[in-house]
């Protein structure tokens, strides 16, 4: 590196996060700080997110889909084969619900699943849309 000693020192001290992925990215650090500020102003948000996760898992179980009791905001819904999970993602998207899809090797064979993420701001209208999408997934699974 060529430059004034002050420039070289600054690059060494601050450039790590732009060079190595082990450094904390400034945008991520700022987002974390903002999240803490929001939680300080609204300490009820984590419990609301957890309650919505429990509601989503309960809806899935009511519809005959396999889901456990979520420990956090992520709600896995086991569907079995990778094809079933991918098909369910497409169906959910068509019905206005974006979900994740995990297949082997991320999960064991036969345990491909949807992953829903609850948020504190899910309202009754949102939960109704999700119920419609999960109902369609359950009906398609039973029909196969």
C-alpha atoms as a PDB file:
ATOM      1  CA  UNK A   1       0.000   0.000   0.000  1.00  0.00           C
ATOM      2  CA  UNK A   2       1.354   3.409  -0.907  1.00  0.00           C
ATOM      3  CA  UNK A   3       0.163   6.588   0.703  1.00  0.00           C
ATOM      4  CA  UNK A   4       0.533   8.921   3.602  1.00  0.00           C
ATOM      5  CA  UNK A   5       0.993   7.146   6.952  1.00  0.00           C
ATOM      6  CA  UNK A   6      -2.387   8.475   8.125  1.00  0.00           C
ATOM      7  CA  UNK A   7      -4.138   6.961   5.095  1.00  0.00           C
ATOM      8  CA  UNK A   8      -2.398   3.613   5.518  1.00  0.00           C
ATOM      9  CA  UNK A   9      -3.251   3.531   9.234  1.00  0.00           C
ATOM     10  CA  UNK A  10      -6.898   4.373   8.515  1.00  0.00           C
ATOM     11  CA  UNK A  11      -7.151   1.642   5.882  1.00  0.00           C
ATOM     12  CA  UNK A  12      -5.623  -0.916   8.232  1.00  0.00           C
ATOM     13  CA  UNK A  13      -7.916   0.105  11.102  1.00  0.00           C
ATOM     14  CA  UNK A  14     -11.178   0.393   9.160  1.00  0.00           C
ATOM     15  CA  UNK A  15     -10.767  -1.609   5.978  1.00  0.00           C
ATOM     16  CA  UNK A  16     -11.016  -5.073   7.490  1.00  0.00           C
ATOM     17  CA  UNK A  17     -14.795  -5.294   7.135  1.00  0.00           C
ATOM     18  CA  UNK A  18     -14.485  -4.411   3.458  1.00  0.00           C
ATOM     19  CA  UNK A  19     -11.828  -7.072   2.849  1.00  0.00           C
ATOM     20  CA  UNK A  20     -12.663 -10.020   5.114  1.00  0.00           C
ATOM     21  CA  UNK A  21     -16.069 -11.467   5.902  1.00  0.00           C
ATOM     22  CA  UNK A  22     -14.961 -11.992   9.508  1.00  0.00           C
ATOM     23  CA  UNK A  23     -15.205  -8.262  10.113  1.00  0.00           C
ATOM     24  CA  UNK A  24     -18.480  -6.720  11.173  1.00  0.00           C
ATOM     25  CA  UNK A  25     -19.950  -4.839   8.224  1.00  0.00           C
ATOM     26  CA  UNK A  26     -20.815  -1.227   9.081  1.00  0.00           C
ATOM     27  CA  UNK A  27     -24.344  -1.543   7.711  1.00  0.00           C
ATOM     28  CA  UNK A  28     -24.985  -4.642   9.846  1.00  0.00           C
ATOM     29  CA  UNK A  29     -23.629  -2.927  12.943  1.00  0.00           C
ATOM     30  CA  UNK A  30     -25.856   0.086  12.315  1.00  0.00           C
ATOM     31  CA  UNK A  31     -28.898  -2.123  11.725  1.00  0.00           C
ATOM     32  CA  UNK A  32     -28.231  -3.932  15.016  1.00  0.00           C
ATOM     33  CA  UNK A  33     -28.008  -0.618  16.869  1.00  0.00           C
ATOM     34  CA  UNK A  34     -31.270   0.564  15.325  1.00  0.00           C
ATOM     35  CA  UNK A  35     -32.940  -2.713  16.294  1.00  0.00           C
ATOM     36  CA  UNK A  36     -31.845  -2.239  19.902  1.00  0.00           C
ATOM     37  CA  UNK A  37     -33.263   1.294  19.867  1.00  0.00           C
ATOM     38  CA  UNK A  38     -36.598  -0.001  18.555  1.00  0.00           C
ATOM     39  CA  UNK A  39     -36.693  -2.704  21.241  1.00  0.00           C
ATOM     40  CA  UNK A  40     -35.977  -0.142  23.931  1.00  0.00           C
ATOM     41  CA  UNK A  41     -39.003   1.870  22.771  1.00  0.00           C
ATOM     42  CA  UNK A  42     -41.214  -1.192  22.140  1.00  0.00           C
ATOM     43  CA  UNK A  43     -40.220  -4.035  24.465  1.00  0.00           C
ATOM     44  CA  UNK A  44     -43.430  -5.914  23.641  1.00  0.00           C
ATOM     45  CA  UNK A  45     -42.349  -6.693  20.056  1.00  0.00           C
ATOM     46  CA  UNK A  46     -40.496  -9.972  20.715  1.00  0.00           C
ATOM     47  CA  UNK A  47     -43.490 -11.486  22.525  1.00  0.00           C
ATOM     48  CA  UNK A  48     -45.817 -10.386  19.718  1.00  0.00           C
ATOM     49  CA  UNK A  49     -43.533 -12.051  17.166  1.00  0.00           C
ATOM     50  CA  UNK A  50     -43.437 -15.221  19.301  1.00  0.00           C
ATOM     51  CA  UNK A  51     -47.225 -15.222  19.654  1.00  0.00           C
ATOM     52  CA  UNK A  52     -47.603 -14.911  15.892  1.00  0.00           C
ATOM     53  CA  UNK A  53     -45.132 -17.772  15.382  1.00  0.00           C
ATOM     54  CA  UNK A  54     -47.177 -19.952  17.727  1.00  0.00           C
ATOM     55  CA  UNK A  55     -50.328 -18.969  15.819  1.00  0.00           C
ATOM     56  CA  UNK A  56     -48.738 -19.934  12.481  1.00  0.00           C
ATOM     57  CA  UNK A  57     -47.576 -23.294  13.838  1.00  0.00           C
ATOM     58  CA  UNK A  58     -51.006 -23.896  15.346  1.00  0.00           C
ATOM     59  CA  UNK A  59     -52.675 -23.120  12.029  1.00  0.00           C
ATOM     60  CA  UNK A  60     -50.378 -25.575  10.263  1.00  0.00           C
ATOM     61  CA  UNK A  61     -51.156 -28.318  12.779  1.00  0.00           C
ATOM     62  CA  UNK A  62     -54.920 -27.621  12.574  1.00  0.00           C
ATOM     63  CA  UNK A  63     -54.651 -28.186   8.834  1.00  0.00           C
ATOM     64  CA  UNK A  64     -52.876 -31.516   9.310  1.00  0.00           C
ATOM     65  CA  UNK A  65     -49.408 -30.217   8.457  1.00  0.00           C
ATOM     66  CA  UNK A  66     -46.423 -31.164  10.591  1.00  0.00           C
ATOM     67  CA  UNK A  67     -45.064 -28.316  12.683  1.00  0.00           C
ATOM     68  CA  UNK A  68     -43.689 -28.223  16.202  1.00  0.00           C
ATOM     69  CA  UNK A  69     -43.879 -25.524  18.832  1.00  0.00           C
ATOM     70  CA  UNK A  70     -41.563 -22.743  17.615  1.00  0.00           C
ATOM     71  CA  UNK A  71     -38.784 -21.583  19.912  1.00  0.00           C
ATOM     72  CA  UNK A  72     -38.454 -18.305  18.010  1.00  0.00           C
ATOM     73  CA  UNK A  73     -39.996 -16.543  15.026  1.00  0.00           C
ATOM     74  CA  UNK A  74     -39.131 -19.280  12.509  1.00  0.00           C
ATOM     75  CA  UNK A  75     -41.849 -21.851  11.896  1.00  0.00           C
ATOM     76  CA  UNK A  76     -40.818 -24.980   9.982  1.00  0.00           C
ATOM     77  CA  UNK A  77     -43.518 -27.021   8.278  1.00  0.00           C
ATOM     78  CA  UNK A  78     -42.253 -30.453   7.221  1.00  0.00           C
ATOM     79  CA  UNK A  79     -43.531 -31.660   3.868  1.00  0.00           C
ATOM     80  CA  UNK A  80     -41.274 -34.631   3.115  1.00  0.00           C
ATOM     81  CA  UNK A  81     -39.840 -34.595  -0.371  1.00  0.00           C
ATOM     82  CA  UNK A  82     -37.959 -31.718  -1.977  1.00  0.00           C
ATOM     83  CA  UNK A  83     -40.513 -31.663  -4.783  1.00  0.00           C
ATOM     84  CA  UNK A  84     -43.393 -31.224  -2.357  1.00  0.00           C
ATOM     85  CA  UNK A  85     -41.608 -28.367  -0.623  1.00  0.00           C
ATOM     86  CA  UNK A  86     -40.758 -26.564  -3.877  1.00  0.00           C
ATOM     87  CA  UNK A  87     -44.316 -27.024  -5.118  1.00  0.00           C
ATOM     88  CA  UNK A  88     -45.645 -25.604  -1.848  1.00  0.00           C
ATOM     89  CA  UNK A  89     -43.395 -22.542  -2.144  1.00  0.00           C
ATOM     90  CA  UNK A  90     -44.812 -21.844  -5.601  1.00  0.00           C
ATOM     91  CA  UNK A  91     -48.372 -22.340  -4.398  1.00  0.00           C
ATOM     92  CA  UNK A  92     -47.850 -20.023  -1.423  1.00  0.00           C
ATOM     93  CA  UNK A  93     -46.327 -17.357  -3.671  1.00  0.00           C
ATOM     94  CA  UNK A  94     -49.324 -17.557  -6.011  1.00  0.00           C
ATOM     95  CA  UNK A  95     -51.532 -16.902  -2.971  1.00  0.00           C
ATOM     96  CA  UNK A  96     -49.474 -13.940  -1.777  1.00  0.00           C
ATOM     97  CA  UNK A  97     -47.296 -15.581   0.876  1.00  0.00           C
ATOM     98  CA  UNK A  98     -43.512 -15.680   0.604  1.00  0.00           C
ATOM     99  CA  UNK A  99     -41.939 -18.616   2.415  1.00  0.00           C
ATOM    100  CA  UNK A 100     -38.523 -20.205   2.563  1.00  0.00           C
ATOM    101  CA  UNK A 101     -37.804 -23.731   1.414  1.00  0.00           C
ATOM    102  CA  UNK A 102     -35.211 -26.034   2.931  1.00  0.00           C
ATOM    103  CA  UNK A 103     -34.165 -29.266   1.232  1.00  0.00           C
ATOM    104  CA  UNK A 104     -31.289 -31.711   1.644  1.00  0.00           C
ATOM    105  CA  UNK A 105     -28.477 -31.250   2.452  1.00  0.00           C
ATOM    106  CA  UNK A 106     -29.744 -28.387   4.666  1.00  0.00           C
ATOM    107  CA  UNK A 107     -32.238 -30.790   6.248  1.00  0.00           C
ATOM    108  CA  UNK A 108     -32.254 -34.624   6.438  1.00  0.00           C
ATOM    109  CA  UNK A 109     -33.709 -36.651   3.563  1.00  0.00           C
ATOM    110  CA  UNK A 110     -37.497 -36.808   3.853  1.00  0.00           C
ATOM    111  CA  UNK A 111     -37.627 -33.630   5.983  1.00  0.00           C
ATOM    112  CA  UNK A 112     -37.837 -30.919   3.296  1.00  0.00           C
ATOM    113  CA  UNK A 113     -39.867 -28.088   4.674  1.00  0.00           C
ATOM    114  CA  UNK A 114     -41.318 -24.659   4.357  1.00  0.00           C
ATOM    115  CA  UNK A 115     -39.961 -22.037   6.718  1.00  0.00           C
ATOM    116  CA  UNK A 116     -42.295 -19.235   7.665  1.00  0.00           C
ATOM    117  CA  UNK A 117     -40.997 -16.270   9.624  1.00  0.00           C
ATOM    118  CA  UNK A 118     -43.399 -14.550  11.990  1.00  0.00           C
ATOM    119  CA  UNK A 119     -43.209 -10.823  12.612  1.00  0.00           C
ATOM    120  CA  UNK A 120     -44.609  -8.733  15.408  1.00  0.00           C
ATOM    121  CA  UNK A 121     -46.721  -6.729  12.973  1.00  0.00           C
ATOM    122  CA  UNK A 122     -48.694  -9.615  11.454  1.00  0.00           C
ATOM    123  CA  UNK A 123     -52.347  -8.700  11.748  1.00  0.00           C
ATOM    124  CA  UNK A 124     -55.512 -10.744  11.426  1.00  0.00           C
ATOM    125  CA  UNK A 125     -55.682 -10.041   7.675  1.00  0.00           C
ATOM    126  CA  UNK A 126     -52.119 -11.320   7.232  1.00  0.00           C
ATOM    127  CA  UNK A 127     -52.867 -14.432   9.275  1.00  0.00           C
ATOM    128  CA  UNK A 128     -55.975 -15.070   7.149  1.00  0.00           C
ATOM    129  CA  UNK A 129     -53.928 -14.895   3.925  1.00  0.00           C
ATOM    130  CA  UNK A 130     -51.367 -17.290   5.400  1.00  0.00           C
ATOM    131  CA  UNK A 131     -54.149 -19.651   6.498  1.00  0.00           C
ATOM    132  CA  UNK A 132     -55.523 -19.711   2.926  1.00  0.00           C
ATOM    133  CA  UNK A 133     -52.080 -20.525   1.549  1.00  0.00           C
ATOM    134  CA  UNK A 134     -51.442 -23.261   4.110  1.00  0.00           C
ATOM    135  CA  UNK A 135     -54.917 -24.681   3.474  1.00  0.00           C
ATOM    136  CA  UNK A 136     -54.029 -24.974  -0.216  1.00  0.00           C
ATOM    137  CA  UNK A 137     -50.722 -26.658   0.699  1.00  0.00           C
ATOM    138  CA  UNK A 138     -52.526 -29.120   2.982  1.00  0.00           C
ATOM    139  CA  UNK A 139     -55.169 -29.883   0.339  1.00  0.00           C
ATOM    140  CA  UNK A 140     -52.503 -30.490  -2.307  1.00  0.00           C
ATOM    141  CA  UNK A 141     -50.548 -32.762   0.077  1.00  0.00           C
ATOM    142  CA  UNK A 142     -53.662 -34.821   0.879  1.00  0.00           C
ATOM    143  CA  UNK A 143     -54.521 -35.049  -2.832  1.00  0.00           C
ATOM    144  CA  UNK A 144     -51.151 -36.629  -3.684  1.00  0.00           C
END
